[in-house]
Protein backbone atom coordinates (compact mmCIF):
# COMPACT_ATOMS: atom_id res chain seq x y z
CA MET A 1 7.57 -41.31 -88.73
CA THR A 2 10.59 -39.67 -89.83
CA THR A 3 9.97 -36.54 -88.70
CA SER A 4 8.70 -37.69 -85.20
CA GLY A 5 12.04 -39.82 -84.67
CA SER A 6 14.32 -36.62 -86.07
CA GLY A 7 12.31 -34.58 -83.32
CA TYR A 8 13.01 -37.30 -80.65
CA ARG A 9 16.49 -37.61 -81.76
CA GLY A 10 17.12 -33.41 -81.60
CA VAL A 11 15.81 -33.14 -78.01
CA ARG A 12 17.95 -35.79 -76.85
CA VAL A 13 20.93 -34.03 -78.18
CA VAL A 14 19.72 -30.69 -76.85
CA ALA A 15 19.51 -32.58 -73.23
CA TRP A 16 22.78 -34.39 -73.40
CA ILE A 17 24.13 -30.89 -74.40
CA ALA A 18 23.02 -29.41 -71.75
CA VAL A 19 24.09 -31.96 -68.96
CA LEU A 20 27.52 -31.77 -70.40
CA THR A 21 27.23 -28.09 -70.09
CA ALA A 22 26.15 -28.25 -66.24
CA ALA A 23 28.97 -31.10 -65.70
CA ALA A 24 31.59 -28.69 -67.18
CA LEU A 25 30.67 -25.75 -65.24
CA ALA A 26 30.43 -27.68 -62.19
CA ALA A 27 34.19 -29.40 -63.05
CA ALA A 28 35.74 -25.70 -63.46
CA VAL A 29 34.11 -24.31 -60.04
CA VAL A 30 36.01 -27.58 -58.62
CA ILE A 31 39.07 -26.95 -60.46
CA VAL A 32 39.21 -23.16 -59.68
CA TYR A 33 38.66 -23.57 -55.67
CA ARG A 34 41.29 -26.21 -55.64
CA ILE A 35 44.26 -24.69 -57.50
CA LEU A 36 43.76 -21.18 -56.78
CA PRO A 37 44.52 -21.66 -52.88
CA ARG A 38 47.48 -23.30 -53.65
CA THR A 39 48.50 -20.25 -56.54
CA GLY A 40 47.91 -17.69 -53.98
CA LEU A 41 45.15 -15.86 -56.28
CA THR A 42 42.40 -16.33 -53.58
CA PRO A 43 40.46 -12.94 -52.89
CA ALA A 44 42.56 -11.72 -49.91
CA ALA A 45 40.13 -11.65 -46.36
CA HIS A 46 38.74 -8.10 -45.95
CA ASP A 47 40.79 -5.50 -44.64
CA TRP A 48 39.03 -3.80 -42.17
CA THR A 49 41.48 -1.27 -41.38
CA ALA A 50 41.16 0.53 -44.72
CA GLU A 51 38.10 1.84 -43.91
CA TRP A 52 39.12 2.29 -39.64
CA ARG A 53 42.29 4.03 -39.75
CA ALA A 54 43.95 3.30 -36.42
CA ASP A 55 45.53 6.17 -34.63
CA PRO A 56 49.42 6.22 -35.07
CA PRO A 57 51.29 4.69 -31.35
CA VAL A 58 51.58 7.72 -29.00
CA VAL A 59 54.75 6.99 -26.99
CA SER A 60 55.02 9.68 -23.59
CA THR A 61 57.73 9.81 -21.26
CA LEU A 62 56.75 9.97 -17.13
CA PRO A 63 59.04 12.86 -16.18
CA GLY A 64 60.95 11.47 -13.12
CA GLY A 65 58.72 8.22 -13.06
CA LEU A 66 55.63 7.23 -11.54
CA LEU A 67 55.47 4.89 -8.41
CA GLU A 68 52.35 2.91 -8.56
CA THR A 69 50.88 2.06 -5.34
CA ALA A 70 47.83 0.55 -5.11
CA THR A 71 44.93 -0.96 -7.48
CA ILE A 72 41.59 -1.55 -7.17
CA ARG A 73 39.84 -4.29 -9.11
CA MET A 74 35.46 -3.71 -8.78
CA GLY A 75 32.48 -4.47 -10.40
CA GLU A 76 30.75 -1.08 -12.12
CA ASP A 77 27.54 -0.96 -13.28
CA PHE A 78 26.41 1.63 -15.84
CA TYR A 79 22.63 2.94 -16.29
CA LYS A 80 20.64 5.18 -18.87
CA SER A 81 17.16 5.55 -18.79
CA ASP A 82 15.08 8.03 -20.70
CA ALA A 83 10.98 8.44 -20.33
CA LYS A 84 9.23 10.27 -22.74
CA THR A 85 5.71 11.36 -23.21
CA TRP A 86 3.79 12.71 -26.48
CA TRP A 87 0.82 15.42 -26.22
CA GLY A 88 0.38 13.57 -22.70
CA ILE A 89 0.32 9.93 -23.92
CA TYR A 90 3.19 8.29 -22.11
CA LEU A 91 5.46 6.45 -24.92
CA GLY A 92 7.42 4.45 -22.03
CA ASN A 93 10.67 4.19 -20.77
CA THR A 94 13.64 3.02 -22.63
CA VAL A 95 16.39 1.47 -20.21
CA SER A 96 19.83 0.75 -20.65
CA HIS A 97 22.61 -1.41 -18.25
CA VAL A 98 26.09 -2.36 -18.77
CA GLN A 99 27.95 -4.10 -16.06
CA VAL A 100 31.79 -4.51 -16.15
CA ALA A 101 34.94 -5.20 -14.12
CA ALA A 102 37.19 -2.27 -14.00
CA THR A 103 40.49 -1.89 -12.34
CA TYR A 104 41.84 1.27 -10.68
CA ARG A 105 45.20 2.46 -10.65
CA TYR A 106 46.81 4.92 -8.16
CA GLY A 107 50.16 6.50 -7.62
CA VAL A 108 52.81 8.93 -6.99
CA PRO A 109 55.53 10.98 -9.09
CA LEU A 110 58.96 10.20 -8.07
CA ALA A 111 60.19 13.72 -9.07
CA ASP A 112 57.01 15.44 -7.14
CA PRO A 113 58.90 18.17 -4.73
CA ALA A 114 56.31 17.16 -2.32
CA TRP A 115 58.19 14.16 -0.99
CA GLN A 116 59.90 14.65 2.49
CA VAL A 117 61.73 12.14 4.54
CA ILE A 118 63.05 13.07 8.24
CA THR A 119 64.35 10.26 10.88
CA ARG A 120 63.50 10.89 14.61
CA GLY A 121 65.28 7.59 16.41
CA PRO A 122 63.68 4.84 15.40
CA THR A 123 60.80 6.28 13.61
CA THR A 124 61.38 7.84 9.97
CA VAL A 125 58.50 10.20 8.59
CA VAL A 126 57.81 10.37 5.31
CA VAL A 127 55.29 12.89 3.27
CA ALA A 128 54.53 11.78 0.08
CA PRO A 129 52.74 13.60 -2.89
CA ASP A 130 48.79 13.19 -3.30
CA LEU A 131 47.64 9.93 -5.15
CA ARG A 132 46.55 10.26 -8.69
CA SER A 133 45.09 7.91 -10.72
CA SER A 134 46.28 6.46 -13.75
CA LEU A 135 43.85 6.98 -16.98
CA PRO A 136 42.31 5.51 -18.82
CA VAL A 137 40.73 3.00 -16.60
CA ALA A 138 41.57 -0.49 -17.31
CA ILE A 139 38.51 -2.88 -18.07
CA ASP A 140 37.83 -6.46 -18.14
CA THR A 141 36.24 -7.18 -21.37
CA SER A 142 35.49 -10.93 -20.81
CA THR A 143 33.29 -9.63 -18.09
CA TRP A 144 31.39 -6.92 -20.26
CA ARG A 145 27.32 -7.87 -19.65
CA GLU A 146 24.73 -5.51 -21.04
CA LYS A 147 20.94 -5.30 -21.55
CA THR A 148 18.48 -3.00 -23.37
CA GLU A 149 14.71 -2.72 -23.42
CA ASN A 150 12.40 -0.24 -25.38
CA GLY A 151 9.63 1.75 -23.89
CA TRP A 152 6.00 0.25 -25.25
CA ALA A 153 6.03 2.68 -27.86
CA ARG A 154 9.69 3.44 -28.42
CA PHE A 155 12.30 1.76 -30.86
CA ASP A 156 15.74 3.51 -29.57
CA LYS A 157 17.26 1.08 -27.42
CA GLN A 158 20.11 0.29 -29.73
CA ASP A 159 21.01 3.93 -29.98
CA GLN A 160 20.40 4.32 -26.33
CA LEU A 161 22.69 1.57 -25.59
CA GLU A 162 25.79 2.71 -28.06
CA HIS A 163 25.49 6.07 -26.22
CA LEU A 164 26.01 4.60 -22.75
CA ARG A 165 29.02 2.42 -24.10
CA ARG A 166 30.93 5.51 -25.40
CA SER A 167 30.17 7.42 -21.92
CA ILE A 168 31.93 4.28 -19.97
CA SER A 169 35.40 5.68 -20.10
CA THR A 170 34.46 9.18 -19.09
CA ASP A 171 32.22 7.65 -16.44
CA LEU A 172 35.34 5.60 -15.06
CA ALA A 173 37.63 8.60 -15.05
CA GLU A 174 35.40 10.68 -12.61
CA ARG A 175 34.84 7.55 -10.10
CA ALA A 176 38.56 7.00 -10.00
CA SER A 177 38.70 10.59 -8.27
CA ASP A 178 35.57 9.49 -6.15
CA GLN A 179 36.71 10.06 -2.37
CA ARG A 180 35.49 6.91 -1.84
CA ARG A 181 37.70 4.70 -4.14
CA VAL A 182 40.73 7.07 -3.15
CA ALA A 183 40.43 6.43 0.51
CA LEU A 184 40.94 2.54 -0.40
CA ALA A 185 43.86 3.50 -2.34
CA ARG A 186 45.33 5.40 0.19
CA GLU A 187 45.81 2.88 2.79
CA ALA A 188 46.99 0.48 0.69
CA SER A 189 49.86 3.20 -0.58
CA ARG A 190 50.98 4.31 2.40
CA ARG A 191 52.41 0.31 3.12
CA THR A 192 53.46 0.47 -0.51
CA ILE A 193 55.50 3.79 0.20
CA ALA A 194 56.58 2.64 3.19
CA GLU A 195 58.08 -0.36 1.97
CA PHE A 196 60.08 1.80 -0.88
CA VAL A 197 61.24 4.22 1.44
CA GLU A 198 62.64 1.89 3.33
CA GLY A 199 64.21 -0.35 1.04
CA TRP A 200 65.61 2.78 -0.71
CA LEU A 201 66.93 4.26 2.50
CA LEU A 202 68.83 0.87 3.21
CA THR A 203 70.78 1.00 0.07
CA HIS A 204 72.46 4.37 1.23
CA GLU A 205 75.68 4.15 2.94
CA ASP A 206 74.43 6.20 6.29
CA TRP A 207 71.65 3.55 6.98
CA GLU A 208 72.01 0.43 8.40
CA SER A 209 69.39 -2.05 8.88
CA GLY A 210 67.79 -2.15 12.26
CA VAL A 211 68.32 2.05 12.32
CA PHE A 212 64.66 2.55 12.53
CA SER A 213 61.82 0.49 13.33
CA ALA A 214 58.83 2.24 11.80
CA VAL A 215 57.96 4.19 9.01
CA LYS A 216 55.04 6.86 8.80
CA VAL A 217 53.47 7.77 5.39
CA TYR A 218 51.52 11.23 5.37
CA PHE A 219 50.24 12.64 2.01
CA ALA A 220 51.01 15.99 1.24
CA GLY A 221 47.29 16.99 1.68
CA GLU A 222 47.20 15.53 5.32
CA ALA A 223 50.46 17.52 6.65
CA ASP A 224 49.44 20.24 9.05
CA ASP A 225 51.36 22.70 9.25
CA ALA A 226 53.67 21.74 12.78
CA LEU A 227 54.23 18.48 10.53
CA ARG A 228 55.50 20.85 7.87
CA ARG A 229 57.75 23.44 10.30
CA GLN A 230 59.39 19.84 11.51
CA LEU A 231 60.14 18.62 8.34
CA ARG A 232 61.70 21.80 6.92
CA ASP A 233 63.69 22.30 9.79
CA ALA A 234 65.26 18.87 9.70
CA PRO A 235 65.92 17.79 6.26
CA LEU A 236 67.12 14.07 5.00
CA ARG A 237 70.03 12.79 6.94
CA GLY A 238 71.20 9.57 8.43
CA GLY A 239 70.49 7.44 11.47
CA SER A 240 70.71 9.24 14.83
């Protein structure tokens, strides 16, 4: 009877010790998490920059400056498709699609020697440098949408999508020089350049408001030989 009672008490002691130990550990955890943030000893958030070293900023000058003359914002779609077979067995077609809004910017360099200005009575004729696109093309990431699907026996959709993502900047640079987009920007740029030249001329003493009533803008690639001869023989001067 005594032996049985002693054994029961021993079990109770062990149980109490286990309960007290667990309670002490729980209290220690609470204390640690309450005290460490106040003492600044909390582990720092993971610093991804230590793994992804960014290139240092590169600041470049634009000799003579750049006159931005037009922007075009439009939705752009990018596709990649890859069908495969193996020993004549069709393994399916993996397809990826990305859609995003892009903003193309066009302008003309102010220090370009192609600039020519001549006045003939109330008309001022301007020959401006050919349009240039500003690169890289800007994208609005809030409009980014993408989708990809594997062929029935293919498992490479994520690799294909990643390849498509990485090619978008290059594709946009090529699209910026597409003649359809340049044509859209060219007409808007004529108006911008006409406003710029008119405002610039009116700051000179030889020019007064009302001296000219129209500004015609040509780009260097549009000027024919007759116009070039006329401009060469009559350099920039004041009103008639």
